[in-house]
């Protein structure tokens, strides 16, 4: 299960790199780059949630 989460993180980083190549750097307005900005934001949130999920499963305590 942990390997699947790590693969998810790697794929999300790959998508972020891809979105960074699509951004129009001559005009960084929201209107021209909305899709790229939202894609980058969603991948960052996906990475954070996956990291928290890994952390939670590693520190899971047995119920009494």
N, C-alpha and C. Protein backbone atom coordinates (compact mmCIF):
# COMPACT_ATOMS: atom_id res chain seq x y z
N UNK A 1 0.82 -1.19 0.00
CA UNK A 1 0.00 0.00 0.00
C UNK A 1 0.87 1.26 0.00
N UNK A 2 1.97 1.20 0.74
CA UNK A 2 2.85 2.36 0.81
C UNK A 2 3.49 2.64 -0.54
N UNK A 3 3.82 1.58 -1.28
CA UNK A 3 4.43 1.76 -2.60
C UNK A 3 3.47 2.47 -3.55
N UNK A 4 2.19 2.14 -3.45
CA UNK A 4 1.19 2.81 -4.28
C UNK A 4 1.09 4.29 -3.97
N UNK A 5 1.22 4.63 -2.71
CA UNK A 5 1.17 6.04 -2.32
C UNK A 5 2.41 6.79 -2.81
N UNK A 6 3.55 6.13 -2.76
CA UNK A 6 4.78 6.76 -3.25
C UNK A 6 4.70 6.96 -4.76
N UNK A 7 4.13 5.98 -5.47
CA UNK A 7 3.94 6.12 -6.91
C UNK A 7 3.01 7.28 -7.21
N UNK A 8 1.96 7.45 -6.39
CA UNK A 8 1.04 8.58 -6.56
C UNK A 8 1.77 9.90 -6.40
N UNK A 9 2.65 9.99 -5.43
CA UNK A 9 3.43 11.22 -5.22
C UNK A 9 4.32 11.49 -6.42
N UNK A 10 4.98 10.46 -6.93
CA UNK A 10 5.87 10.64 -8.08
C UNK A 10 5.09 11.08 -9.31
N UNK A 11 3.91 10.48 -9.53
CA UNK A 11 3.08 10.89 -10.67
C UNK A 11 2.60 12.33 -10.52
N UNK A 12 2.25 12.73 -9.30
CA UNK A 12 1.80 14.10 -9.08
C UNK A 12 2.93 15.09 -9.34
N UNK A 13 4.14 14.74 -8.94
CA UNK A 13 5.30 15.61 -9.22
C UNK A 13 5.53 15.71 -10.71
N UNK A 14 5.34 14.60 -11.43
CA UNK A 14 5.49 14.62 -12.88
C UNK A 14 4.45 15.52 -13.53
N UNK A 15 3.22 15.48 -13.04
CA UNK A 15 2.17 16.35 -13.57
C UNK A 15 2.49 17.82 -13.28
N UNK A 16 3.02 18.11 -12.10
CA UNK A 16 3.41 19.49 -11.77
C UNK A 16 4.47 19.98 -12.74
N UNK A 17 5.46 19.15 -13.01
CA UNK A 17 6.51 19.54 -13.96
C UNK A 17 5.91 19.78 -15.34
N UNK A 18 4.98 18.93 -15.74
CA UNK A 18 4.31 19.12 -17.03
C UNK A 18 3.51 20.41 -17.07
N UNK A 19 2.81 20.73 -15.98
CA UNK A 19 2.04 21.97 -15.93
C UNK A 19 2.94 23.20 -15.95
N UNK A 20 4.11 23.08 -15.34
CA UNK A 20 5.04 24.21 -15.35
C UNK A 20 5.57 24.50 -16.75
N UNK A 21 5.61 23.49 -17.61
CA UNK A 21 6.06 23.73 -18.98
C UNK A 21 4.97 24.38 -19.83
N UNK A 22 3.71 24.28 -19.40
CA UNK A 22 2.59 24.83 -20.17
C UNK A 22 2.31 26.29 -19.80
N UNK A 23 2.77 26.73 -18.64
CA UNK A 23 2.48 28.09 -18.16
C UNK A 23 3.07 29.12 -19.13
N UNK A 24 2.27 30.15 -19.41
CA UNK A 24 2.72 31.27 -20.25
C UNK A 24 3.45 32.26 -19.35
N UNK A 25 4.77 32.19 -19.36
CA UNK A 25 5.57 33.01 -18.45
C UNK A 25 5.65 34.47 -18.89
N UNK A 26 5.30 34.78 -20.11
CA UNK A 26 5.30 36.18 -20.54
C UNK A 26 4.09 36.92 -20.00
N UNK A 27 3.03 36.18 -19.64
CA UNK A 27 1.83 36.78 -19.08
C UNK A 27 1.30 35.83 -18.01
N UNK A 28 1.61 36.11 -16.76
CA UNK A 28 1.24 35.22 -15.67
C UNK A 28 -0.15 35.51 -15.10
N UNK A 29 -1.03 36.06 -15.90
CA UNK A 29 -2.37 36.38 -15.40
C UNK A 29 -3.18 35.11 -15.20
N UNK A 30 -4.18 35.22 -14.34
CA UNK A 30 -5.06 34.10 -14.04
C UNK A 30 -5.83 33.67 -15.29
N UNK A 31 -6.19 34.64 -16.11
CA UNK A 31 -7.00 34.36 -17.30
C UNK A 31 -6.27 33.44 -18.27
N UNK A 32 -4.99 33.64 -18.46
CA UNK A 32 -4.24 32.85 -19.43
C UNK A 32 -3.75 31.51 -18.87
N UNK A 33 -3.60 31.41 -17.57
CA UNK A 33 -2.96 30.23 -16.98
C UNK A 33 -3.82 29.53 -15.94
N UNK A 34 -5.12 29.74 -15.97
CA UNK A 34 -5.99 29.19 -14.94
C UNK A 34 -5.88 27.66 -14.85
N UNK A 35 -5.90 26.97 -15.96
CA UNK A 35 -5.82 25.52 -15.96
C UNK A 35 -4.52 25.01 -15.36
N UNK A 36 -3.43 25.66 -15.71
CA UNK A 36 -2.13 25.24 -15.18
C UNK A 36 -2.04 25.51 -13.68
N UNK A 37 -2.52 26.68 -13.26
CA UNK A 37 -2.46 27.01 -11.83
C UNK A 37 -3.32 26.04 -11.01
N UNK A 38 -4.52 25.73 -11.50
CA UNK A 38 -5.38 24.80 -10.78
C UNK A 38 -4.81 23.38 -10.78
N UNK A 39 -4.18 22.99 -11.87
CA UNK A 39 -3.53 21.68 -11.92
C UNK A 39 -2.39 21.57 -10.93
N UNK A 40 -1.58 22.61 -10.85
CA UNK A 40 -0.46 22.62 -9.90
C UNK A 40 -0.98 22.59 -8.47
N UNK A 41 -2.00 23.41 -8.18
CA UNK A 41 -2.57 23.45 -6.84
C UNK A 41 -3.17 22.10 -6.45
N UNK A 42 -3.89 21.47 -7.35
CA UNK A 42 -4.50 20.18 -7.03
C UNK A 42 -3.45 19.10 -6.80
N UNK A 43 -2.37 19.13 -7.55
CA UNK A 43 -1.32 18.14 -7.35
C UNK A 43 -0.57 18.36 -6.04
N UNK A 44 -0.39 19.62 -5.66
CA UNK A 44 0.23 19.92 -4.36
C UNK A 44 -0.65 19.40 -3.23
N UNK A 45 -1.96 19.62 -3.34
CA UNK A 45 -2.87 19.12 -2.31
C UNK A 45 -2.90 17.59 -2.28
N UNK A 46 -2.81 16.96 -3.45
CA UNK A 46 -2.76 15.50 -3.51
C UNK A 46 -1.50 14.97 -2.84
N UNK A 47 -0.37 15.62 -3.08
CA UNK A 47 0.89 15.21 -2.45
C UNK A 47 0.80 15.35 -0.94
N UNK A 48 0.27 16.47 -0.47
CA UNK A 48 0.14 16.69 0.98
C UNK A 48 -0.76 15.65 1.62
N UNK A 49 -1.90 15.36 1.01
CA UNK A 49 -2.81 14.38 1.59
C UNK A 49 -2.20 12.98 1.60
N UNK A 50 -1.43 12.65 0.58
CA UNK A 50 -0.78 11.35 0.53
C UNK A 50 0.31 11.25 1.60
N UNK A 51 1.07 12.31 1.79
CA UNK A 51 2.10 12.32 2.83
C UNK A 51 1.46 12.18 4.21
N UNK A 52 0.36 12.90 4.46
CA UNK A 52 -0.32 12.78 5.75
C UNK A 52 -0.89 11.37 5.94
N UNK A 53 -1.35 10.76 4.87
CA UNK A 53 -1.88 9.40 4.94
C UNK A 53 -0.78 8.41 5.30
N UNK A 54 0.39 8.56 4.69
CA UNK A 54 1.52 7.70 5.02
C UNK A 54 1.93 7.90 6.47
N UNK A 55 1.97 9.16 6.91
CA UNK A 55 2.36 9.47 8.29
C UNK A 55 1.37 8.86 9.28
N UNK A 56 0.09 8.95 8.96
CA UNK A 56 -0.93 8.44 9.88
C UNK A 56 -0.86 6.92 10.00
N UNK A 57 -0.63 6.22 8.89
CA UNK A 57 -0.57 4.77 8.97
C UNK A 57 0.70 4.29 9.67
N UNK A 58 1.78 5.06 9.60
CA UNK A 58 3.00 4.67 10.29
C UNK A 58 2.89 4.87 11.79
N UNK A 59 2.13 5.87 12.21
CA UNK A 59 2.01 6.19 13.64
C UNK A 59 0.70 5.70 14.24
N UNK A 60 0.05 4.76 13.56
CA UNK A 60 -1.23 4.25 14.04
C UNK A 60 -1.00 3.40 15.29
N UNK A 61 -1.76 3.71 16.34
CA UNK A 61 -1.64 2.97 17.59
C UNK A 61 -2.72 1.90 17.64
N UNK A 62 -2.41 0.81 18.30
CA UNK A 62 -3.37 -0.27 18.47
C UNK A 62 -4.45 0.17 19.47
N UNK A 63 -5.73 -0.13 19.16
CA UNK A 63 -6.79 0.23 20.12
C UNK A 63 -6.70 -0.63 21.38
N UNK A 64 -7.16 -0.05 22.49
CA UNK A 64 -7.10 -0.78 23.78
C UNK A 64 -8.19 -1.80 23.88
